[in-house]
Structure formats: structure tokens, C-alpha cells
Amino acid sequence: MRHLLLFSLVPALAAGCAMGGAMRQATLVGQCAADDVACSRRHPQAPIALGTRFHPDVAAEVAGTTTPTLRLESAAPEILAVEDGVLVARQPGASAVLISTDDGSVIDFVHVWVAPVTRVTLARRDGDRIGGAIGLAVGEDITIVPTLWNGAQRLSGDGDATWAVTSDTTVSVLRDGSSDRRRLRARAPGKTTLTVAPAGLTASVDIEVVP
């Protein structure tokens, strides 16, 4: 019966991406703090960026039962793989993601798209886009998050990126536990340029530190 369910889902891929399951028995959201408005992994309502990972939090909403143990399976792992419960975007396209119990019973599914990244912008942690140079005082911090786009559409997912400044004596680039953002600490007066390179593309911003 499980194989019949998997077969019946494949023609439905054109329906697009959804946060709630198609059968309204489960939801799939990202593992983010409730107050983290800039978290790129919260809702996979947009396609997942090619080469990135989406960390889902799955919850069942089956009437008349307690929450079962759930696991995920991709109908097209060559497009969207599932590795230790994490969605990994491997190539452009779409896949159904099955939400099932330990005994193999499918209780719901969502459709997830994977899209290539065409440009990168930078934003503050509160979600405000950075459109010009940044001014900081010595000792001040700012958290920067790269935003991935396909044309005019913002993409979900997080991935590895290269972070560099032209003067690390002026600004230090610090990790804060997240793979897709960094905290900048203004150390000394001067000017530097921050360059971020995720998904094979680059974005940069000039920073000036004053006393």
C-alpha cells in the first residue's frame, strides 16, 4: 500500500510548495526561534536554494490520536534528499516529501521546489536589507545574514559561505552558532569591506568604524 501512495503523489508535483501537508494532518516548518524574524529556514513557502539545507520541524495533527513518531522521505532524492531528517537541495526541480510513521504509514505530504541562486543580498538579523555602507562605533556589534534569490523570489535554506574582511583589525567576523550568518564586532577606527560568498555568488558592503 505504501508504494501505491508514493506512486500516486508524483503527478501532483506541479501543485507547488506548501507549509501544511496536503492532507491537513501534519505541518513542516523550520527549526528557528520564534522571535528570529530573519531566519531563512522557518517556512519552506519559497523554493529551497540549490546547494543549501533546510532543517525541518515536523508536527502531526491527526485527530483522535497522540503524536506519533514521524520521519521524512523524498519522492525524488536526486532533487531533494533527506539526510538525518534534513532536506538537502541537490538539483533544480520539485519533489514530494512524505511524512510517515515508523511503521511506514504515510500520514501527509508536502511539495517542495529546488531553485538555483541567481543573486545574493545582505540583511541585518531583524530582516532589514542592507543597501549602503554601514557605520559602527568601536565595540558595537551587528549580525549580517546573506539572503539568496532566484530573480525576484527569495529562497529558503542555509548553506556554507565564505566570509572575509579586508581589515580584520578594524572588524572581526565572529560565528554565533548558525552556519548562515555572522556577528561583526567593530574593533578599531577605520574602514573595511565585508565580502560574503554563498552558492558561488558574492555580495559585499563597506564598513566604517568610528571611535
N, C-alpha and C. Protein backbone atom coordinates (compact mmCIF):
# COMPACT_ATOMS: atom_id res chain seq x y z
N MET A 1 0.82 -1.21 0.00
CA MET A 1 0.00 0.00 0.00
C MET A 1 0.86 1.26 0.00
N ARG A 2 2.00 1.17 0.71
CA ARG A 2 2.88 2.33 0.78
C ARG A 2 3.39 2.70 -0.61
N HIS A 3 3.75 1.72 -1.43
CA HIS A 3 4.26 2.01 -2.77
C HIS A 3 3.18 2.63 -3.65
N LEU A 4 1.94 2.21 -3.46
CA LEU A 4 0.84 2.82 -4.22
C LEU A 4 0.67 4.28 -3.86
N LEU A 5 0.83 4.62 -2.59
CA LEU A 5 0.74 6.01 -2.16
C LEU A 5 1.84 6.83 -2.79
N LEU A 6 3.04 6.31 -2.80
CA LEU A 6 4.18 7.04 -3.38
C LEU A 6 3.96 7.29 -4.86
N PHE A 7 3.45 6.30 -5.57
CA PHE A 7 3.21 6.46 -7.00
C PHE A 7 2.16 7.52 -7.27
N SER A 8 1.12 7.56 -6.44
CA SER A 8 0.04 8.50 -6.68
C SER A 8 0.43 9.94 -6.42
N LEU A 9 1.53 10.19 -5.69
CA LEU A 9 1.93 11.55 -5.37
C LEU A 9 2.72 12.20 -6.48
N VAL A 10 3.39 11.43 -7.31
CA VAL A 10 4.29 12.01 -8.30
C VAL A 10 3.60 12.95 -9.26
N PRO A 11 2.40 12.67 -9.82
CA PRO A 11 1.76 13.62 -10.73
C PRO A 11 1.36 14.92 -10.07
N ALA A 12 1.32 14.96 -8.74
CA ALA A 12 0.84 16.16 -8.05
C ALA A 12 1.93 17.19 -7.83
N LEU A 13 3.15 16.98 -8.32
CA LEU A 13 4.27 17.87 -8.03
C LEU A 13 4.04 19.28 -8.53
N ALA A 14 3.24 19.46 -9.57
CA ALA A 14 3.04 20.80 -10.13
C ALA A 14 2.23 21.69 -9.21
N ALA A 15 1.72 21.13 -8.12
CA ALA A 15 0.87 21.92 -7.22
C ALA A 15 1.66 22.97 -6.47
N GLY A 16 3.00 22.84 -6.40
CA GLY A 16 3.82 23.87 -5.75
C GLY A 16 4.19 23.49 -4.34
N CYS A 17 4.73 24.48 -3.61
CA CYS A 17 5.27 24.24 -2.28
C CYS A 17 4.26 24.61 -1.22
N ALA A 18 4.19 23.86 -0.14
CA ALA A 18 3.23 24.14 0.92
C ALA A 18 3.88 23.95 2.27
N MET A 19 3.44 24.72 3.27
CA MET A 19 3.93 24.56 4.62
C MET A 19 3.13 23.49 5.34
N GLY A 20 1.80 23.51 5.17
CA GLY A 20 0.95 22.48 5.75
C GLY A 20 0.84 21.32 4.79
N GLY A 21 0.63 20.11 5.32
CA GLY A 21 0.50 18.95 4.47
C GLY A 21 -0.75 19.01 3.62
N ALA A 22 -0.70 18.32 2.47
CA ALA A 22 -1.83 18.32 1.54
C ALA A 22 -3.06 17.68 2.15
N MET A 23 -2.86 16.74 3.09
CA MET A 23 -3.99 16.07 3.73
C MET A 23 -4.36 16.72 5.07
N ARG A 24 -3.70 17.85 5.37
CA ARG A 24 -4.01 18.63 6.58
C ARG A 24 -3.86 17.82 7.87
N GLN A 25 -2.90 16.90 7.88
CA GLN A 25 -2.67 16.11 9.08
C GLN A 25 -1.29 16.36 9.69
N ALA A 26 -0.46 17.17 9.00
CA ALA A 26 0.88 17.46 9.51
C ALA A 26 1.35 18.79 8.97
N THR A 27 2.32 19.39 9.67
CA THR A 27 2.93 20.63 9.21
C THR A 27 4.45 20.45 9.20
N LEU A 28 5.11 21.23 8.33
CA LEU A 28 6.55 21.18 8.22
C LEU A 28 7.06 22.61 8.20
N VAL A 29 7.78 23.00 9.25
CA VAL A 29 8.37 24.33 9.34
C VAL A 29 9.85 24.18 9.70
N GLY A 30 10.56 25.30 9.72
CA GLY A 30 11.99 25.25 10.01
C GLY A 30 12.28 25.35 11.49
N GLN A 31 13.46 24.90 11.87
CA GLN A 31 13.89 24.93 13.26
C GLN A 31 14.48 26.29 13.58
N CYS A 32 13.63 27.24 13.97
CA CYS A 32 14.06 28.59 14.27
C CYS A 32 13.39 29.08 15.55
N ALA A 33 14.07 29.98 16.25
CA ALA A 33 13.46 30.61 17.40
C ALA A 33 12.26 31.44 16.96
N ALA A 34 11.25 31.51 17.80
CA ALA A 34 10.01 32.20 17.43
C ALA A 34 10.25 33.68 17.14
N ASP A 35 11.25 34.30 17.79
CA ASP A 35 11.49 35.73 17.62
C ASP A 35 12.59 36.02 16.59
N ASP A 36 13.05 35.01 15.86
CA ASP A 36 14.11 35.20 14.88
C ASP A 36 13.48 35.49 13.52
N VAL A 37 13.16 36.76 13.26
CA VAL A 37 12.41 37.11 12.06
C VAL A 37 13.24 36.96 10.80
N ALA A 38 14.55 36.91 10.92
CA ALA A 38 15.41 36.80 9.74
C ALA A 38 15.78 35.36 9.42
N CYS A 39 15.24 34.41 10.18
CA CYS A 39 15.63 33.02 9.98
C CYS A 39 15.17 32.53 8.61
N SER A 40 16.11 32.11 7.78
CA SER A 40 15.79 31.70 6.42
C SER A 40 15.27 30.28 6.36
N ARG A 41 15.21 29.59 7.50
CA ARG A 41 14.79 28.21 7.49
C ARG A 41 13.39 28.02 8.08
N ARG A 42 12.69 29.12 8.42
CA ARG A 42 11.45 28.95 9.16
C ARG A 42 10.35 28.28 8.36
N HIS A 43 9.97 28.82 7.23
CA HIS A 43 8.89 28.26 6.44
C HIS A 43 9.36 27.98 5.02
N PRO A 44 9.24 26.76 4.54
CA PRO A 44 9.63 26.48 3.16
C PRO A 44 8.51 26.86 2.18
N GLN A 45 8.00 28.09 2.31
CA GLN A 45 6.96 28.54 1.39
C GLN A 45 7.56 28.95 0.06
N ALA A 46 8.84 29.27 0.05
CA ALA A 46 9.57 29.54 -1.19
C ALA A 46 10.40 28.31 -1.52
N PRO A 47 10.90 28.20 -2.75
CA PRO A 47 11.79 27.09 -3.07
C PRO A 47 13.03 27.10 -2.17
N ILE A 48 13.62 25.93 -2.00
CA ILE A 48 14.87 25.82 -1.27
C ILE A 48 16.01 26.08 -2.25
N ALA A 49 16.97 26.88 -1.84
CA ALA A 49 18.09 27.24 -2.73
C ALA A 49 18.95 26.02 -3.03
N LEU A 50 19.32 25.88 -4.27
CA LEU A 50 20.17 24.79 -4.70
C LEU A 50 21.48 24.80 -3.90
N GLY A 51 21.86 23.64 -3.39
CA GLY A 51 23.11 23.52 -2.63
C GLY A 51 22.99 23.85 -1.16
N THR A 52 21.78 24.18 -0.69
CA THR A 52 21.59 24.50 0.72
C THR A 52 20.84 23.38 1.43
N ARG A 53 20.66 23.58 2.73
CA ARG A 53 19.97 22.60 3.56
C ARG A 53 18.82 23.29 4.30
N PHE A 54 17.74 22.56 4.48
CA PHE A 54 16.59 23.07 5.22
C PHE A 54 16.34 22.15 6.40
N HIS A 55 16.36 22.72 7.61
CA HIS A 55 16.21 21.93 8.83
C HIS A 55 14.75 21.97 9.27
N PRO A 56 13.99 20.91 9.00
CA PRO A 56 12.56 20.96 9.28
C PRO A 56 12.20 20.54 10.69
N ASP A 57 11.07 21.06 11.13
CA ASP A 57 10.44 20.63 12.37
C ASP A 57 9.05 20.16 11.98
N VAL A 58 8.78 18.87 12.14
CA VAL A 58 7.54 18.28 11.67
C VAL A 58 6.63 17.98 12.85
N ALA A 59 5.36 18.31 12.69
CA ALA A 59 4.37 18.04 13.74
C ALA A 59 3.14 17.41 13.12
N ALA A 60 2.59 16.40 13.80
CA ALA A 60 1.38 15.73 13.31
C ALA A 60 0.15 16.36 13.94
N GLU A 61 -0.92 16.37 13.17
CA GLU A 61 -2.18 16.92 13.65
C GLU A 61 -3.30 15.94 13.30
N VAL A 62 -3.12 14.68 13.71
CA VAL A 62 -4.09 13.63 13.40
C VAL A 62 -5.13 13.57 14.51
N ALA A 63 -6.38 13.81 14.15
CA ALA A 63 -7.46 13.83 15.14
C ALA A 63 -7.63 12.46 15.79
N GLY A 64 -7.84 12.48 17.10
CA GLY A 64 -8.15 11.25 17.82
C GLY A 64 -6.95 10.41 18.18
N THR A 65 -5.74 10.97 18.10
CA THR A 65 -4.55 10.20 18.45
C THR A 65 -3.49 11.11 19.02
N THR A 66 -2.59 10.52 19.81
CA THR A 66 -1.43 11.28 20.26
C THR A 66 -0.45 11.41 19.10
N THR A 67 0.55 12.27 19.25
CA THR A 67 1.52 12.49 18.16
C THR A 67 2.38 11.25 17.96
N PRO A 68 2.39 10.68 16.76
CA PRO A 68 3.24 9.51 16.51
C PRO A 68 4.68 9.93 16.25
N THR A 69 5.57 8.95 16.20
CA THR A 69 6.95 9.21 15.78
C THR A 69 6.97 9.36 14.27
N LEU A 70 7.56 10.47 13.79
CA LEU A 70 7.50 10.79 12.38
C LEU A 70 8.87 10.75 11.72
N ARG A 71 8.88 10.49 10.44
CA ARG A 71 10.10 10.58 9.64
C ARG A 71 9.75 11.08 8.25
N LEU A 72 10.77 11.56 7.53
CA LEU A 72 10.57 12.14 6.21
C LEU A 72 11.21 11.26 5.14
N GLU A 73 10.60 11.28 3.95
CA GLU A 73 11.16 10.57 2.81
C GLU A 73 10.87 11.38 1.55
N SER A 74 11.85 11.51 0.69
CA SER A 74 11.69 12.25 -0.55
C SER A 74 11.27 11.32 -1.68
N ALA A 75 10.31 11.78 -2.51
CA ALA A 75 9.91 11.00 -3.68
C ALA A 75 10.93 11.11 -4.79
N ALA A 76 11.76 12.14 -4.77
CA ALA A 76 12.80 12.34 -5.79
C ALA A 76 14.10 12.74 -5.11
N PRO A 77 14.81 11.79 -4.50
CA PRO A 77 16.02 12.13 -3.74
C PRO A 77 17.13 12.71 -4.58
N GLU A 78 17.10 12.52 -5.90
CA GLU A 78 18.11 13.14 -6.75
C GLU A 78 17.91 14.65 -6.83
N ILE A 79 16.70 15.13 -6.53
CA ILE A 79 16.40 16.56 -6.49
C ILE A 79 16.48 17.08 -5.08
N LEU A 80 15.79 16.41 -4.16
CA LEU A 80 15.74 16.83 -2.77
C LEU A 80 15.93 15.60 -1.89
N ALA A 81 17.10 15.51 -1.28
CA ALA A 81 17.41 14.35 -0.45
C ALA A 81 17.03 14.62 1.00
N VAL A 82 16.86 13.54 1.75
CA VAL A 82 16.64 13.63 3.19
C VAL A 82 17.81 12.94 3.87
N GLU A 83 18.59 13.71 4.63
CA GLU A 83 19.75 13.18 5.33
C GLU A 83 19.64 13.48 6.81
N ASP A 84 19.44 12.44 7.61
CA ASP A 84 19.27 12.60 9.06
C ASP A 84 18.19 13.62 9.38
N GLY A 85 17.10 13.57 8.63
CA GLY A 85 15.97 14.46 8.88
C GLY A 85 16.10 15.85 8.30
N VAL A 86 17.20 16.12 7.58
CA VAL A 86 17.44 17.43 6.97
C VAL A 86 17.19 17.33 5.47
N LEU A 87 16.50 18.34 4.89
CA LEU A 87 16.27 18.38 3.46
C LEU A 87 17.49 19.00 2.77
N VAL A 88 18.04 18.32 1.78
CA VAL A 88 19.24 18.75 1.08
C VAL A 88 18.89 18.97 -0.39
N ALA A 89 19.04 20.22 -0.86
CA ALA A 89 18.67 20.58 -2.24
C ALA A 89 19.82 20.23 -3.18
N ARG A 90 19.61 19.23 -4.04
CA ARG A 90 20.69 18.72 -4.88
C ARG A 90 20.65 19.21 -6.32
N GLN A 91 19.45 19.39 -6.88
CA GLN A 91 19.36 19.90 -8.24
C GLN A 91 17.99 20.53 -8.44
N PRO A 92 17.88 21.46 -9.40
CA PRO A 92 16.60 22.15 -9.60
C PRO A 92 15.47 21.18 -9.96
N GLY A 93 14.29 21.50 -9.47
CA GLY A 93 13.13 20.66 -9.74
C GLY A 93 12.19 20.67 -8.56
N ALA A 94 11.37 19.65 -8.47
CA ALA A 94 10.39 19.55 -7.39
C ALA A 94 10.28 18.12 -6.91
N SER A 95 9.95 17.96 -5.65
CA SER A 95 9.77 16.63 -5.09
C SER A 95 8.68 16.66 -4.03
N ALA A 96 7.94 15.59 -3.93
CA ALA A 96 7.05 15.40 -2.78
C ALA A 96 7.89 14.92 -1.61
N VAL A 97 7.62 15.45 -0.43
CA VAL A 97 8.25 14.98 0.80
C VAL A 97 7.18 14.28 1.61
N LEU A 98 7.34 12.99 1.82
CA LEU A 98 6.36 12.19 2.54
C LEU A 98 6.62 12.27 4.03
N ILE A 99 5.57 12.46 4.80
CA ILE A 99 5.64 12.45 6.26
C ILE A 99 4.98 11.15 6.70
N SER A 100 5.76 10.27 7.29
CA SER A 100 5.24 8.95 7.63
C SER A 100 5.60 8.57 9.06
N THR A 101 4.96 7.53 9.55
CA THR A 101 5.24 7.00 10.88
C THR A 101 6.32 5.92 10.76
N ASP A 102 6.77 5.43 11.92
CA ASP A 102 7.82 4.43 11.92
C ASP A 102 7.42 3.14 11.21
N ASP A 103 6.12 2.83 11.18
CA ASP A 103 5.68 1.60 10.52
C ASP A 103 5.47 1.77 9.03
N GLY A 104 5.82 2.98 8.48
CA GLY A 104 5.73 3.20 7.05
C GLY A 104 4.42 3.78 6.57
N SER A 105 3.50 4.09 7.48
CA SER A 105 2.22 4.66 7.08
C SER A 105 2.39 6.14 6.76
N VAL A 106 2.03 6.54 5.55
CA VAL A 106 2.12 7.94 5.14
C VAL A 106 0.90 8.68 5.67
N ILE A 107 1.14 9.72 6.50
CA ILE A 107 0.02 10.47 7.05
C ILE A 107 -0.17 11.80 6.34
N ASP A 108 0.86 12.26 5.60
CA ASP A 108 0.72 13.53 4.88
C ASP A 108 1.90 13.70 3.93
N PHE A 109 1.86 14.74 3.11
CA PHE A 109 2.97 15.06 2.24
C PHE A 109 2.92 16.54 1.88
N VAL A 110 4.08 17.08 1.55
CA VAL A 110 4.18 18.46 1.06
C VAL A 110 4.99 18.44 -0.23
N HIS A 111 4.82 19.47 -1.05
CA HIS A 111 5.59 19.61 -2.27
C HIS A 111 6.64 20.69 -2.06
N VAL A 112 7.87 20.39 -2.39
CA VAL A 112 8.98 21.31 -2.18
C VAL A 112 9.74 21.49 -3.49
N TRP A 113 10.01 22.74 -3.84
CA TRP A 113 10.77 23.06 -5.05
C TRP A 113 12.21 23.40 -4.69
N VAL A 114 13.12 23.12 -5.62
CA VAL A 114 14.52 23.50 -5.50
C VAL A 114 14.84 24.42 -6.68
N ALA A 115 15.46 25.57 -6.39
CA ALA A 115 15.76 26.54 -7.44
C ALA A 115 17.20 27.02 -7.33
N PRO A 116 17.85 27.33 -8.45
CA PRO A 116 19.21 27.86 -8.42
C PRO A 116 19.23 29.28 -7.88
N VAL A 117 20.35 29.68 -7.32
CA VAL A 117 20.53 31.03 -6.79
C VAL A 117 21.06 31.93 -7.90
N THR A 118 20.37 33.06 -8.15
CA THR A 118 20.82 33.98 -9.20
C THR A 118 21.45 35.25 -8.64
N ARG A 119 21.18 35.58 -7.37
CA ARG A 119 21.83 36.74 -6.75
C ARG A 119 21.77 36.62 -5.24
N VAL A 120 22.62 37.42 -4.59
CA VAL A 120 22.73 37.41 -3.13
C VAL A 120 22.67 38.84 -2.62
N THR A 121 21.90 39.08 -1.59
CA THR A 121 21.91 40.37 -0.90
C THR A 121 22.22 40.14 0.57
N LEU A 122 22.50 41.22 1.28
CA LEU A 122 22.81 41.12 2.70
C LEU A 122 21.73 41.84 3.51
N ALA A 123 21.46 41.31 4.71
CA ALA A 123 20.44 41.90 5.57
C ALA A 123 20.91 41.85 7.02
N ARG A 124 20.30 42.70 7.83
CA ARG A 124 20.51 42.62 9.27
C ARG A 124 19.72 41.44 9.82
N ARG A 125 19.99 41.09 11.06
CA ARG A 125 19.29 39.96 11.65
C ARG A 125 17.79 40.23 11.80
N ASP A 126 17.39 41.50 11.90
CA ASP A 126 15.98 41.81 12.01
C ASP A 126 15.26 41.76 10.66
N GLY A 127 16.00 41.42 9.60
CA GLY A 127 15.40 41.27 8.29
C GLY A 127 15.54 42.47 7.38
N ASP A 128 15.97 43.63 7.90
CA ASP A 128 16.13 44.83 7.06
C ASP A 128 17.28 44.64 6.08
N ARG A 129 17.01 44.91 4.82
CA ARG A 129 18.04 44.76 3.80
C ARG A 129 19.08 45.86 3.91
N ILE A 130 20.34 45.51 3.70
CA ILE A 130 21.43 46.48 3.74
C ILE A 130 21.64 47.01 2.33
N GLY A 131 21.43 48.31 2.14
CA GLY A 131 21.52 48.90 0.82
C GLY A 131 22.67 49.86 0.64
N GLY A 132 23.47 50.06 1.67
CA GLY A 132 24.58 51.00 1.59
C GLY A 132 25.61 50.70 2.65
N ALA A 133 26.58 51.60 2.80
CA ALA A 133 27.66 51.40 3.77
C ALA A 133 27.12 51.37 5.20
N ILE A 134 27.85 50.66 6.07
CA ILE A 134 27.47 50.52 7.48
C ILE A 134 28.45 51.33 8.33
N GLY A 135 27.91 52.09 9.27
CA GLY A 135 28.73 52.80 10.23
C GLY A 135 28.59 52.19 11.61
N LEU A 136 29.71 51.91 12.27
CA LEU A 136 29.71 51.32 13.60
C LEU A 136 30.64 52.11 14.51
N ALA A 137 30.33 52.07 15.79
CA ALA A 137 31.23 52.61 16.80
C ALA A 137 32.08 51.48 17.36
N VAL A 138 33.28 51.79 17.83
CA VAL A 138 34.16 50.78 18.41
C VAL A 138 33.43 50.04 19.53
N GLY A 139 33.46 48.72 19.47
CA GLY A 139 32.79 47.88 20.46
C GLY A 139 31.38 47.49 20.07
N GLU A 140 30.85 48.08 18.99
CA GLU A 140 29.48 47.78 18.57
C GLU A 140 29.46 46.50 17.74
N ASP A 141 28.33 45.77 17.84
CA ASP A 141 28.13 44.54 17.07
C ASP A 141 26.98 44.71 16.08
N ILE A 142 27.05 43.95 14.99
CA ILE A 142 25.93 43.84 14.06
C ILE A 142 25.96 42.44 13.47
N THR A 143 24.80 41.82 13.34
CA THR A 143 24.71 40.48 12.76
C THR A 143 24.22 40.60 11.32
N ILE A 144 24.94 39.94 10.41
CA ILE A 144 24.66 40.00 8.98
C ILE A 144 24.20 38.63 8.50
N VAL A 145 23.16 38.63 7.67
CA VAL A 145 22.61 37.39 7.10
C VAL A 145 22.55 37.52 5.58
N PRO A 146 23.16 36.61 4.83
CA PRO A 146 23.00 36.65 3.38
C PRO A 146 21.62 36.14 2.98
N THR A 147 21.01 36.79 2.01
CA THR A 147 19.71 36.39 1.51
C THR A 147 19.87 35.90 0.08
N LEU A 148 19.36 34.71 -0.20
CA LEU A 148 19.51 34.09 -1.51
C LEU A 148 18.24 34.30 -2.33
N TRP A 149 18.42 34.60 -3.63
CA TRP A 149 17.30 34.91 -4.50
C TRP A 149 17.38 34.13 -5.80
N ASN A 150 16.22 33.85 -6.36
CA ASN A 150 16.09 33.42 -7.75
C ASN A 150 15.23 34.46 -8.44
N GLY A 151 15.87 35.37 -9.19
CA GLY A 151 15.14 36.51 -9.73
C GLY A 151 14.61 37.38 -8.61
N ALA A 152 13.29 37.59 -8.59
CA ALA A 152 12.67 38.42 -7.54
C ALA A 152 12.15 37.60 -6.38
N GLN A 153 12.39 36.27 -6.40
CA GLN A 153 11.85 35.40 -5.36
C GLN A 153 12.92 35.03 -4.35
N ARG A 154 12.63 35.29 -3.08
CA ARG A 154 13.55 34.91 -2.01
C ARG A 154 13.48 33.40 -1.81
N LEU A 155 14.64 32.79 -1.57
CA LEU A 155 14.73 31.35 -1.41
C LEU A 155 14.94 30.98 0.05
N SER A 156 14.52 29.77 0.41
CA SER A 156 14.74 29.22 1.74
C SER A 156 16.05 28.44 1.76
N GLY A 157 16.44 28.00 2.94
CA GLY A 157 17.61 27.15 3.09
C GLY A 157 18.83 27.91 3.58
N ASP A 158 19.74 27.17 4.17
CA ASP A 158 21.01 27.76 4.60
C ASP A 158 22.15 26.88 4.13
N GLY A 159 23.28 27.52 3.86
CA GLY A 159 24.44 26.77 3.37
C GLY A 159 25.73 27.43 3.78
N ASP A 160 26.81 26.78 3.46
CA ASP A 160 28.13 27.32 3.79
C ASP A 160 28.44 28.51 2.91
N ALA A 161 29.12 29.48 3.48
CA ALA A 161 29.55 30.66 2.74
C ALA A 161 30.93 31.08 3.24
N THR A 162 31.66 31.76 2.37
CA THR A 162 32.95 32.32 2.74
C THR A 162 32.76 33.77 3.18
N TRP A 163 33.27 34.11 4.36
CA TRP A 163 33.18 35.46 4.92
C TRP A 163 34.59 36.04 5.03
N ALA A 164 34.77 37.26 4.54
CA ALA A 164 36.11 37.87 4.61
C ALA A 164 35.98 39.38 4.73
N VAL A 165 36.92 39.99 5.47
CA VAL A 165 37.02 41.45 5.55
C VAL A 165 38.41 41.85 5.10
N THR A 166 38.52 43.03 4.52
CA THR A 166 39.83 43.50 4.04
C THR A 166 40.73 43.92 5.19
N SER A 167 40.16 44.20 6.35
CA SER A 167 40.95 44.57 7.53
C SER A 167 40.33 43.94 8.77
N ASP A 168 40.91 42.83 9.24
CA ASP A 168 40.36 42.18 10.43
C ASP A 168 40.81 42.87 11.72
N THR A 169 41.67 43.88 11.62
CA THR A 169 41.99 44.67 12.80
C THR A 169 40.91 45.74 13.04
N THR A 170 40.15 46.04 12.00
CA THR A 170 39.05 47.01 12.13
C THR A 170 37.76 46.33 12.56
N VAL A 171 37.44 45.20 11.92
CA VAL A 171 36.22 44.45 12.21
C VAL A 171 36.54 42.96 12.30
N SER A 172 36.04 42.33 13.34
CA SER A 172 36.18 40.87 13.48
C SER A 172 34.90 40.20 13.02
N VAL A 173 35.03 39.07 12.33
CA VAL A 173 33.88 38.28 11.89
C VAL A 173 33.77 37.08 12.82
N LEU A 174 32.67 37.01 13.58
CA LEU A 174 32.50 36.00 14.61
C LEU A 174 31.33 35.08 14.30
N ARG A 175 31.49 33.81 14.61
CA ARG A 175 30.38 32.86 14.50
C ARG A 175 29.46 32.99 15.70
N ASP A 176 28.15 32.72 15.45
CA ASP A 176 27.21 32.74 16.57
C ASP A 176 26.41 31.45 16.66
N GLY A 177 26.97 30.38 16.06
CA GLY A 177 26.31 29.08 16.12
C GLY A 177 25.47 28.75 14.91
N SER A 178 25.21 29.72 14.05
CA SER A 178 24.44 29.48 12.83
C SER A 178 25.37 29.46 11.64
N SER A 179 25.13 28.54 10.70
CA SER A 179 26.02 28.43 9.55
C SER A 179 25.80 29.54 8.53
N ASP A 180 24.64 30.21 8.57
CA ASP A 180 24.33 31.17 7.51
C ASP A 180 24.35 32.62 7.96
N ARG A 181 24.94 32.93 9.08
CA ARG A 181 25.06 34.33 9.49
C ARG A 181 26.32 34.50 10.34
N ARG A 182 26.76 35.76 10.48
CA ARG A 182 27.93 36.08 11.29
C ARG A 182 27.67 37.36 12.07
N ARG A 183 28.32 37.45 13.22
CA ARG A 183 28.27 38.66 14.04
C ARG A 183 29.56 39.43 13.83
N LEU A 184 29.44 40.71 13.47
CA LEU A 184 30.60 41.56 13.25
C LEU A 184 30.84 42.42 14.47
N ARG A 185 32.07 42.48 14.94
CA ARG A 185 32.45 43.29 16.10
C ARG A 185 33.42 44.38 15.64
N ALA A 186 33.04 45.63 15.84
CA ALA A 186 33.91 46.76 15.49
C ALA A 186 35.04 46.84 16.52
N ARG A 187 36.29 46.74 16.07
CA ARG A 187 37.43 46.67 16.98
C ARG A 187 38.22 47.97 17.06
N ALA A 188 38.40 48.64 15.94
CA ALA A 188 39.23 49.86 15.92
C ALA A 188 38.75 50.77 14.81
N PRO A 189 38.97 52.08 14.97
CA PRO A 189 38.56 53.02 13.91
C PRO A 189 39.23 52.68 12.58
N GLY A 190 38.47 52.84 11.51
CA GLY A 190 39.00 52.58 10.18
C GLY A 190 37.91 52.13 9.23
N LYS A 191 38.32 51.73 8.04
CA LYS A 191 37.38 51.27 7.02
C LYS A 191 37.76 49.87 6.56
N THR A 192 36.76 49.09 6.23
CA THR A 192 36.97 47.74 5.72
C THR A 192 35.80 47.37 4.82
N THR A 193 35.96 46.33 4.05
CA THR A 193 34.89 45.82 3.19
C THR A 193 34.63 44.36 3.54
N LEU A 194 33.38 44.05 3.82
CA LEU A 194 32.97 42.68 4.09
C LEU A 194 32.49 42.05 2.78
N THR A 195 33.00 40.85 2.47
CA THR A 195 32.55 40.10 1.31
C THR A 195 32.03 38.74 1.75
N VAL A 196 30.83 38.41 1.30
CA VAL A 196 30.20 37.13 1.63
C VAL A 196 29.96 36.39 0.32
N ALA A 197 30.35 35.10 0.30
CA ALA A 197 30.26 34.33 -0.94
C ALA A 197 29.55 33.00 -0.69
N PRO A 198 28.20 33.01 -0.74
CA PRO A 198 27.45 31.75 -0.68
C PRO A 198 27.03 31.32 -2.08
N ALA A 199 26.85 30.03 -2.27
CA ALA A 199 26.28 29.48 -3.51
C ALA A 199 27.03 29.94 -4.75
N GLY A 200 28.34 30.20 -4.64
CA GLY A 200 29.12 30.58 -5.79
C GLY A 200 28.96 32.02 -6.23
N LEU A 201 28.18 32.82 -5.50
CA LEU A 201 28.00 34.23 -5.81
C LEU A 201 28.55 35.07 -4.66
N THR A 202 28.70 36.39 -4.88
CA THR A 202 29.25 37.24 -3.84
C THR A 202 28.39 38.47 -3.62
N ALA A 203 28.45 38.97 -2.39
CA ALA A 203 27.84 40.25 -2.03
C ALA A 203 28.80 40.93 -1.07
N SER A 204 28.89 42.25 -1.13
CA SER A 204 29.83 42.97 -0.27
C SER A 204 29.21 44.26 0.23
N VAL A 205 29.78 44.77 1.33
CA VAL A 205 29.33 46.03 1.90
C VAL A 205 30.52 46.71 2.56
N ASP A 206 30.61 48.01 2.42
CA ASP A 206 31.66 48.80 3.07
C ASP A 206 31.26 49.11 4.50
N ILE A 207 32.24 49.06 5.40
CA ILE A 207 32.00 49.33 6.81
C ILE A 207 33.01 50.35 7.30
N GLU A 208 32.52 51.35 8.01
CA GLU A 208 33.39 52.35 8.63
C GLU A 208 33.18 52.33 10.13
N VAL A 209 34.29 52.23 10.86
CA VAL A 209 34.24 52.21 12.31
C VAL A 209 34.78 53.53 12.83
N VAL A 210 34.01 54.15 13.71
CA VAL A 210 34.42 55.44 14.30
C VAL A 210 34.67 55.22 15.79
N PRO A 211 35.46 56.13 16.43
CA PRO A 211 35.76 55.99 17.86
C PRO A 211 34.50 56.06 18.71
